[in-house]
Amino acid sequence: EDHRMHSEIGHVSVATADALNAVRARGGRVVSV
């Protein structure tokens, strides 16, 4: 609770978000590398 994380800049595109939501909707798994 007393540790402070530093921020990092990131981006998730519309195309990637849509594709991953479709994967899970059909029963596939999202595997984070």
PDB file of all heavy atoms in Angstrom:
ATOM      1  N   GLU A   1       0.819  -1.215   0.000  1.00  0.00           N
ATOM      2  CA  GLU A   1       0.000   0.000   0.000  1.00  0.00           C
ATOM      3  C   GLU A   1       0.854   1.267   0.000  1.00  0.00           C
ATOM      4  O   GLU A   1       0.407   2.334  -0.450  1.00  0.00           O
ATOM      5  CB  GLU A   1      -0.931   0.017   1.215  1.00  0.00           C
ATOM      6  CG  GLU A   1      -2.047  -1.018   1.183  1.00  0.00           C
ATOM      7  CD  GLU A   1      -1.584  -2.411   1.571  1.00  0.00           C
ATOM      8  OE1 GLU A   1      -0.410  -2.561   2.028  1.00  0.00           O
ATOM      9  OE2 GLU A   1      -2.373  -3.355   1.421  1.00  0.00           O
ATOM     10  N   ASP A   2       2.092   1.159   0.473  1.00  0.00           N
ATOM     11  CA  ASP A   2       2.954   2.338   0.578  1.00  0.00           C
ATOM     12  C   ASP A   2       3.892   2.508  -0.615  1.00  0.00           C
ATOM     13  O   ASP A   2       4.695   3.447  -0.640  1.00  0.00           O
ATOM     14  CB  ASP A   2       3.790   2.262   1.859  1.00  0.00           C
ATOM     15  CG  ASP A   2       2.943   2.408   3.114  1.00  0.00           C
ATOM     16  OD1 ASP A   2       1.880   3.059   3.033  1.00  0.00           O
ATOM     17  OD2 ASP A   2       3.331   1.858   4.160  1.00  0.00           O
ATOM     18  N   HIS A   3       3.805   1.600  -1.599  1.00  0.00           N
ATOM     19  CA  HIS A   3       4.689   1.696  -2.766  1.00  0.00           C
ATOM     20  C   HIS A   3       4.034   2.531  -3.856  1.00  0.00           C
ATOM     21  O   HIS A   3       2.849   2.365  -4.152  1.00  0.00           O
ATOM     22  CB  HIS A   3       5.017   0.308  -3.317  1.00  0.00           C
ATOM     23  CG  HIS A   3       5.873   0.343  -4.547  1.00  0.00           C
ATOM     24  ND1 HIS A   3       7.190   0.742  -4.529  1.00  0.00           N
ATOM     25  CD2 HIS A   3       5.583   0.045  -5.845  1.00  0.00           C
ATOM     26  CE1 HIS A   3       7.683   0.689  -5.757  1.00  0.00           C
ATOM     27  NE2 HIS A   3       6.728   0.273  -6.570  1.00  0.00           N
ATOM     28  N   ARG A   4       4.826   3.413  -4.473  1.00  0.00           N
ATOM     29  CA  ARG A   4       4.316   4.236  -5.572  1.00  0.00           C
ATOM     30  C   ARG A   4       4.890   3.759  -6.902  1.00  0.00           C
ATOM     31  O   ARG A   4       6.107   3.678  -7.071  1.00  0.00           O
ATOM     32  CB  ARG A   4       4.696   5.709  -5.360  1.00  0.00           C
ATOM     33  CG  ARG A   4       4.171   6.651  -6.454  1.00  0.00           C
ATOM     34  CD  ARG A   4       4.515   8.084  -6.129  1.00  0.00           C
ATOM     35  NE  ARG A   4       5.929   8.367  -6.274  1.00  0.00           N
ATOM     36  CZ  ARG A   4       6.492   8.790  -7.411  1.00  0.00           C
ATOM     37  NH1 ARG A   4       5.761   8.939  -8.513  1.00  0.00           N
ATOM     38  NH2 ARG A   4       7.788   9.053  -7.461  1.00  0.00           N
ATOM     39  N   MET A   5       4.013   3.437  -7.839  1.00  0.00           N
ATOM     40  CA  MET A   5       4.437   3.026  -9.171  1.00  0.00           C
ATOM     41  C   MET A   5       4.719   4.254 -10.032  1.00  0.00           C
ATOM     42  O   MET A   5       4.024   5.280  -9.914  1.00  0.00           O
ATOM     43  CB  MET A   5       3.348   2.187  -9.845  1.00  0.00           C
ATOM     44  CG  MET A   5       3.122   0.835  -9.222  1.00  0.00           C
ATOM     45  SD  MET A   5       4.412  -0.364  -9.621  1.00  0.00           S
ATOM     46  CE  MET A   5       3.971  -0.780 -11.321  1.00  0.00           C
ATOM     47  N   HIS A   6       5.705   4.160 -10.920  1.00  0.00           N
ATOM     48  CA  HIS A   6       5.944   5.214 -11.900  1.00  0.00           C
ATOM     49  C   HIS A   6       5.066   4.982 -13.122  1.00  0.00           C
ATOM     50  O   HIS A   6       4.766   3.850 -13.485  1.00  0.00           O
ATOM     51  CB  HIS A   6       7.419   5.257 -12.298  1.00  0.00           C
ATOM     52  CG  HIS A   6       8.288   5.868 -11.260  1.00  0.00           C
ATOM     53  ND1 HIS A   6       8.736   5.165 -10.159  1.00  0.00           N
ATOM     54  CD2 HIS A   6       8.793   7.129 -11.128  1.00  0.00           C
ATOM     55  CE1 HIS A   6       9.476   5.962  -9.406  1.00  0.00           C
ATOM     56  NE2 HIS A   6       9.533   7.141  -9.962  1.00  0.00           N
ATOM     57  N   SER A   7       4.665   6.066 -13.753  1.00  0.00           N
ATOM     58  CA  SER A   7       3.785   5.975 -14.915  1.00  0.00           C
ATOM     59  C   SER A   7       4.553   5.593 -16.169  1.00  0.00           C
ATOM     60  O   SER A   7       5.743   5.904 -16.311  1.00  0.00           O
ATOM     61  CB  SER A   7       3.067   7.308 -15.153  1.00  0.00           C
ATOM     62  OG  SER A   7       2.197   7.612 -14.092  1.00  0.00           O
ATOM     63  N   GLU A   8       3.846   4.936 -17.089  1.00  0.00           N
ATOM     64  CA  GLU A   8       4.381   4.587 -18.396  1.00  0.00           C
ATOM     65  C   GLU A   8       3.323   4.904 -19.449  1.00  0.00           C
ATOM     66  O   GLU A   8       2.119   4.771 -19.198  1.00  0.00           O
ATOM     67  CB  GLU A   8       4.763   3.105 -18.447  1.00  0.00           C
ATOM     68  CG  GLU A   8       5.890   2.749 -17.476  1.00  0.00           C
ATOM     69  CD  GLU A   8       6.054   1.255 -17.276  1.00  0.00           C
ATOM     70  OE1 GLU A   8       5.033   0.554 -17.143  1.00  0.00           O
ATOM     71  OE2 GLU A   8       7.197   0.783 -17.240  1.00  0.00           O
ATOM     72  N   ILE A   9       3.773   5.327 -20.619  1.00  0.00           N
ATOM     73  CA  ILE A   9       2.863   5.741 -21.690  1.00  0.00           C
ATOM     74  C   ILE A   9       2.515   4.544 -22.565  1.00  0.00           C
ATOM     75  O   ILE A   9       3.394   3.781 -22.984  1.00  0.00           O
ATOM     76  CB  ILE A   9       3.506   6.845 -22.558  1.00  0.00           C
ATOM     77  CG1 ILE A   9       3.831   8.072 -21.695  1.00  0.00           C
ATOM     78  CG2 ILE A   9       2.585   7.220 -23.713  1.00  0.00           C
ATOM     79  CD1 ILE A   9       2.625   8.762 -21.122  1.00  0.00           C
ATOM     80  N   GLY A  10       1.210   4.379 -22.872  1.00  0.00           N
ATOM     81  CA  GLY A  10       0.789   3.246 -23.689  1.00  0.00           C
ATOM     82  C   GLY A  10      -0.334   3.593 -24.641  1.00  0.00           C
ATOM     83  O   GLY A  10      -0.968   4.655 -24.548  1.00  0.00           O
ATOM     84  N   HIS A  11      -0.589   2.644 -25.560  1.00  0.00           N
ATOM     85  CA  HIS A  11      -1.619   2.859 -26.594  1.00  0.00           C
ATOM     86  C   HIS A  11      -2.213   1.515 -27.018  1.00  0.00           C
ATOM     87  O   HIS A  11      -1.474   0.563 -27.306  1.00  0.00           O
ATOM     88  CB  HIS A  11      -1.001   3.562 -27.805  1.00  0.00           C
ATOM     89  CG  HIS A  11      -1.942   3.750 -28.947  1.00  0.00           C
ATOM     90  ND1 HIS A  11      -2.971   4.678 -28.928  1.00  0.00           N
ATOM     91  CD2 HIS A  11      -2.042   3.111 -30.146  1.00  0.00           C
ATOM     92  CE1 HIS A  11      -3.643   4.599 -30.070  1.00  0.00           C
ATOM     93  NE2 HIS A  11      -3.099   3.661 -30.818  1.00  0.00           N
ATOM     94  N   VAL A  12      -3.534   1.451 -27.041  1.00  0.00           N
ATOM     95  CA  VAL A  12      -4.268   0.311 -27.590  1.00  0.00           C
ATOM     96  C   VAL A  12      -5.171   0.849 -28.691  1.00  0.00           C
ATOM     97  O   VAL A  12      -6.025   1.704 -28.444  1.00  0.00           O
ATOM     98  CB  VAL A  12      -5.137  -0.392 -26.519  1.00  0.00           C
ATOM     99  CG1 VAL A  12      -5.889  -1.569 -27.129  1.00  0.00           C
ATOM    100  CG2 VAL A  12      -4.282  -0.852 -25.342  1.00  0.00           C
ATOM    101  N   SER A  13      -4.979   0.361 -29.906  1.00  0.00           N
ATOM    102  CA  SER A  13      -5.742   0.885 -31.042  1.00  0.00           C
ATOM    103  C   SER A  13      -7.162   0.338 -31.056  1.00  0.00           C
ATOM    104  O   SER A  13      -7.475  -0.679 -30.420  1.00  0.00           O
ATOM    105  CB  SER A  13      -5.049   0.524 -32.360  1.00  0.00           C
ATOM    106  OG  SER A  13      -5.143  -0.878 -32.590  1.00  0.00           O
ATOM    107  N   VAL A  14      -8.018   1.014 -31.798  1.00  0.00           N
ATOM    108  CA  VAL A  14      -9.395   0.549 -31.974  1.00  0.00           C
ATOM    109  C   VAL A  14      -9.405  -0.846 -32.598  1.00  0.00           C
ATOM    110  O   VAL A  14     -10.140  -1.739 -32.162  1.00  0.00           O
ATOM    111  CB  VAL A  14     -10.183   1.534 -32.870  1.00  0.00           C
ATOM    112  CG1 VAL A  14     -11.568   0.979 -33.195  1.00  0.00           C
ATOM    113  CG2 VAL A  14     -10.312   2.893 -32.197  1.00  0.00           C
ATOM    114  N   ALA A  15      -8.555  -1.052 -33.611  1.00  0.00           N
ATOM    115  CA  ALA A  15      -8.524  -2.342 -34.308  1.00  0.00           C
ATOM    116  C   ALA A  15      -8.108  -3.469 -33.364  1.00  0.00           C
ATOM    117  O   ALA A  15      -8.692  -4.559 -33.378  1.00  0.00           O
ATOM    118  CB  ALA A  15      -7.579  -2.272 -35.506  1.00  0.00           C
ATOM    119  N   THR A  16      -7.109  -3.216 -32.536  1.00  0.00           N
ATOM    120  CA  THR A  16      -6.655  -4.252 -31.604  1.00  0.00           C
ATOM    121  C   THR A  16      -7.711  -4.536 -30.547  1.00  0.00           C
ATOM    122  O   THR A  16      -7.976  -5.702 -30.218  1.00  0.00           O
ATOM    123  CB  THR A  16      -5.337  -3.825 -30.936  1.00  0.00           C
ATOM    124  OG1 THR A  16      -4.311  -3.768 -31.936  1.00  0.00           O
ATOM    125  CG2 THR A  16      -4.920  -4.804 -29.852  1.00  0.00           C
ATOM    126  N   ALA A  17      -8.323  -3.500 -30.000  1.00  0.00           N
ATOM    127  CA  ALA A  17      -9.376  -3.701 -28.998  1.00  0.00           C
ATOM    128  C   ALA A  17     -10.522  -4.525 -29.578  1.00  0.00           C
ATOM    129  O   ALA A  17     -10.995  -5.486 -28.955  1.00  0.00           O
ATOM    130  CB  ALA A  17      -9.881  -2.348 -28.500  1.00  0.00           C
ATOM    131  N   ASP A  18     -10.962  -4.178 -30.782  1.00  0.00           N
ATOM    132  CA  ASP A  18     -12.072  -4.910 -31.421  1.00  0.00           C
ATOM    133  C   ASP A  18     -11.689  -6.367 -31.665  1.00  0.00           C
ATOM    134  O   ASP A  18     -12.490  -7.285 -31.435  1.00  0.00           O
ATOM    135  CB  ASP A  18     -12.458  -4.240 -32.739  1.00  0.00           C
ATOM    136  CG  ASP A  18     -13.177  -2.906 -32.537  1.00  0.00           C
ATOM    137  OD1 ASP A  18     -13.597  -2.627 -31.388  1.00  0.00           O
ATOM    138  OD2 ASP A  18     -13.298  -2.156 -33.517  1.00  0.00           O
ATOM    139  N   ALA A  19     -10.471  -6.596 -32.133  1.00  0.00           N
ATOM    140  CA  ALA A  19     -10.040  -7.956 -32.454  1.00  0.00           C
ATOM    141  C   ALA A  19      -9.973  -8.817 -31.195  1.00  0.00           C
ATOM    142  O   ALA A  19     -10.397  -9.982 -31.200  1.00  0.00           O
ATOM    143  CB  ALA A  19      -8.678  -7.922 -33.151  1.00  0.00           C
ATOM    144  N   LEU A  20      -9.451  -8.281 -30.108  1.00  0.00           N
ATOM    145  CA  LEU A  20      -9.329  -9.061 -28.876  1.00  0.00           C
ATOM    146  C   LEU A  20     -10.692  -9.331 -28.241  1.00  0.00           C
ATOM    147  O   LEU A  20     -10.924 -10.414 -27.694  1.00  0.00           O
ATOM    148  CB  LEU A  20      -8.410  -8.337 -27.889  1.00  0.00           C
ATOM    149  CG  LEU A  20      -6.955  -8.214 -28.336  1.00  0.00           C
ATOM    150  CD1 LEU A  20      -6.145  -7.422 -27.312  1.00  0.00           C
ATOM    151  CD2 LEU A  20      -6.324  -9.590 -28.573  1.00  0.00           C
ATOM    152  N   ASN A  21     -11.585  -8.373 -28.316  1.00  0.00           N
ATOM    153  CA  ASN A  21     -12.941  -8.613 -27.818  1.00  0.00           C
ATOM    154  C   ASN A  21     -13.631  -9.708 -28.629  1.00  0.00           C
ATOM    155  O   ASN A  21     -14.369 -10.536 -28.074  1.00  0.00           O
ATOM    156  CB  ASN A  21     -13.758  -7.319 -27.866  1.00  0.00           C
ATOM    157  CG  ASN A  21     -13.299  -6.308 -26.825  1.00  0.00           C
ATOM    158  OD1 ASN A  21     -12.811  -6.678 -25.761  1.00  0.00           O
ATOM    159  ND2 ASN A  21     -13.446  -5.031 -27.138  1.00  0.00           N
ATOM    160  N   ALA A  22     -13.371  -9.748 -29.938  1.00  0.00           N
ATOM    161  CA  ALA A  22     -13.945 -10.798 -30.786  1.00  0.00           C
ATOM    162  C   ALA A  22     -13.369 -12.171 -30.432  1.00  0.00           C
ATOM    163  O   ALA A  22     -14.075 -13.184 -30.452  1.00  0.00           O
ATOM    164  CB  ALA A  22     -13.691 -10.473 -32.258  1.00  0.00           C
ATOM    165  N   VAL A  23     -12.078 -12.217 -30.095  1.00  0.00           N
ATOM    166  CA  VAL A  23     -11.447 -13.478 -29.696  1.00  0.00           C
ATOM    167  C   VAL A  23     -12.158 -14.064 -28.479  1.00  0.00           C
ATOM    168  O   VAL A  23     -12.533 -15.243 -28.450  1.00  0.00           O
ATOM    169  CB  VAL A  23      -9.950 -13.254 -29.390  1.00  0.00           C
ATOM    170  CG1 VAL A  23      -9.352 -14.458 -28.664  1.00  0.00           C
ATOM    171  CG2 VAL A  23      -9.182 -12.994 -30.683  1.00  0.00           C
ATOM    172  N   ARG A  24     -12.364 -13.253 -27.482  1.00  0.00           N
ATOM    173  CA  ARG A  24     -12.994 -13.751 -26.252  1.00  0.00           C
ATOM    174  C   ARG A  24     -14.468 -14.071 -26.471  1.00  0.00           C
ATOM    175  O   ARG A  24     -14.999 -15.013 -25.876  1.00  0.00           O
ATOM    176  CB  ARG A  24     -12.839 -12.728 -25.132  1.00  0.00           C
ATOM    177  CG  ARG A  24     -11.386 -12.493 -24.749  1.00  0.00           C
ATOM    178  CD  ARG A  24     -11.259 -11.639 -23.530  1.00  0.00           C
ATOM    179  NE  ARG A  24     -11.059 -12.439 -22.325  1.00  0.00           N
ATOM    180  CZ  ARG A  24     -11.084 -11.929 -21.103  1.00  0.00           C
ATOM    181  NH1 ARG A  24     -11.340 -10.641 -20.932  1.00  0.00           N
ATOM    182  NH2 ARG A  24     -10.866 -12.695 -20.053  1.00  0.00           N
ATOM    183  N   ALA A  25     -15.126 -13.319 -27.332  1.00  0.00           N
ATOM    184  CA  ALA A  25     -16.548 -13.554 -27.592  1.00  0.00           C
ATOM    185  C   ALA A  25     -16.775 -14.927 -28.220  1.00  0.00           C
ATOM    186  O   ALA A  25     -17.813 -15.559 -27.983  1.00  0.00           O
ATOM    187  CB  ALA A  25     -17.105 -12.451 -28.497  1.00  0.00           C
ATOM    188  N   ARG A  26     -15.818 -15.413 -28.991  1.00  0.00           N
ATOM    189  CA  ARG A  26     -15.983 -16.723 -29.627  1.00  0.00           C
ATOM    190  C   ARG A  26     -15.325 -17.846 -28.818  1.00  0.00           C
ATOM    191  O   ARG A  26     -15.227 -18.986 -29.282  1.00  0.00           O
ATOM    192  CB  ARG A  26     -15.415 -16.707 -31.044  1.00  0.00           C
ATOM    193  CG  ARG A  26     -13.918 -16.493 -31.142  1.00  0.00           C
ATOM    194  CD  ARG A  26     -13.421 -16.769 -32.566  1.00  0.00           C
ATOM    195  NE  ARG A  26     -11.984 -16.656 -32.640  1.00  0.00           N
ATOM    196  CZ  ARG A  26     -11.321 -15.579 -33.051  1.00  0.00           C
ATOM    197  NH1 ARG A  26     -11.992 -14.504 -33.440  1.00  0.00           N
ATOM    198  NH2 ARG A  26     -10.002 -15.573 -33.073  1.00  0.00           N
ATOM    199  N   GLY A  27     -14.842 -17.539 -27.606  1.00  0.00           N
ATOM    200  CA  GLY A  27     -14.299 -18.575 -26.741  1.00  0.00           C
ATOM    201  C   GLY A  27     -12.803 -18.727 -26.773  1.00  0.00           C
ATOM    202  O   GLY A  27     -12.250 -19.625 -26.119  1.00  0.00           O
ATOM    203  N   GLY A  28     -12.099 -17.887 -27.509  1.00  0.00           N
ATOM    204  CA  GLY A  28     -10.647 -17.924 -27.521  1.00  0.00           C
ATOM    205  C   GLY A  28     -10.068 -17.235 -26.296  1.00  0.00           C
ATOM    206  O   GLY A  28     -10.779 -16.562 -25.541  1.00  0.00           O
ATOM    207  N   ARG A  29      -8.771 -17.413 -26.102  1.00  0.00           N
ATOM    208  CA  ARG A  29      -8.111 -16.826 -24.940  1.00  0.00           C
ATOM    209  C   ARG A  29      -7.157 -15.706 -25.359  1.00  0.00           C
ATOM    210  O   ARG A  29      -6.479 -15.808 -26.384  1.00  0.00           O
ATOM    211  CB  ARG A  29      -7.333 -17.904 -24.179  1.00  0.00           C
ATOM    212  CG  ARG A  29      -8.207 -18.991 -23.578  1.00  0.00           C
ATOM    213  CD  ARG A  29      -7.384 -20.118 -23.000  1.00  0.00           C
ATOM    214  NE  ARG A  29      -6.566 -20.802 -24.010  1.00  0.00           N
ATOM    215  CZ  ARG A  29      -5.814 -21.872 -23.760  1.00  0.00           C
ATOM    216  NH1 ARG A  29      -5.759 -22.356 -22.523  1.00  0.00           N
ATOM    217  NH2 ARG A  29      -5.115 -22.433 -24.734  1.00  0.00           N
ATOM    218  N   VAL A  30      -7.119 -14.657 -24.549  1.00  0.00           N
ATOM    219  CA  VAL A  30      -6.156 -13.575 -24.735  1.00  0.00           C
ATOM    220  C   VAL A  30      -4.910 -13.927 -23.933  1.00  0.00           C
ATOM    221  O   VAL A  30      -4.966 -14.082 -22.707  1.00  0.00           O
ATOM    222  CB  VAL A  30      -6.740 -12.230 -24.285  1.00  0.00           C
ATOM    223  CG1 VAL A  30      -5.648 -11.150 -24.277  1.00  0.00           C
ATOM    224  CG2 VAL A  30      -7.883 -11.818 -25.205  1.00  0.00           C
ATOM    225  N   VAL A  31      -3.794 -14.091 -24.639  1.00  0.00           N
ATOM    226  CA  VAL A  31      -2.530 -14.501 -24.026  1.00  0.00           C
ATOM    227  C   VAL A  31      -1.572 -13.320 -24.096  1.00  0.00           C
ATOM    228  O   VAL A  31      -1.121 -12.943 -25.179  1.00  0.00           O
ATOM    229  CB  VAL A  31      -1.930 -15.727 -24.745  1.00  0.00           C
ATOM    230  CG1 VAL A  31      -0.659 -16.183 -24.036  1.00  0.00           C
ATOM    231  CG2 VAL A  31      -2.956 -16.849 -24.837  1.00  0.00           C
ATOM    232  N   SER A  32      -1.280 -12.729 -22.961  1.00  0.00           N
ATOM    233  CA  SER A  32      -0.390 -11.571 -22.922  1.00  0.00           C
ATOM    234  C   SER A  32       1.059 -12.030 -22.961  1.00  0.00           C
ATOM    235  O   SER A  32       1.483 -12.853 -22.152  1.00  0.00           O
ATOM    236  CB  SER A  32      -0.646 -10.763 -21.650  1.00  0.00           C
ATOM    237  OG  SER A  32       0.256  -9.686 -21.564  1.00  0.00           O
ATOM    238  N   VAL A  33       1.826 -11.493 -23.902  1.00  0.00           N
ATOM    239  CA  VAL A  33       3.266 -11.742 -23.950  1.00  0.00           C
ATOM    240  C   VAL A  33       3.921 -10.643 -23.111  1.00  0.00           C
ATOM    241  O   VAL A  33       4.160  -9.538 -23.580  1.00  0.00           O
ATOM    242  CB  VAL A  33       3.790 -11.745 -25.392  1.00  0.00           C
ATOM    243  CG1 VAL A  33       5.307 -11.949 -25.402  1.00  0.00           C
ATOM    244  CG2 VAL A  33       3.102 -12.835 -26.206  1.00  0.00           C
TER     245      VAL A  33
END
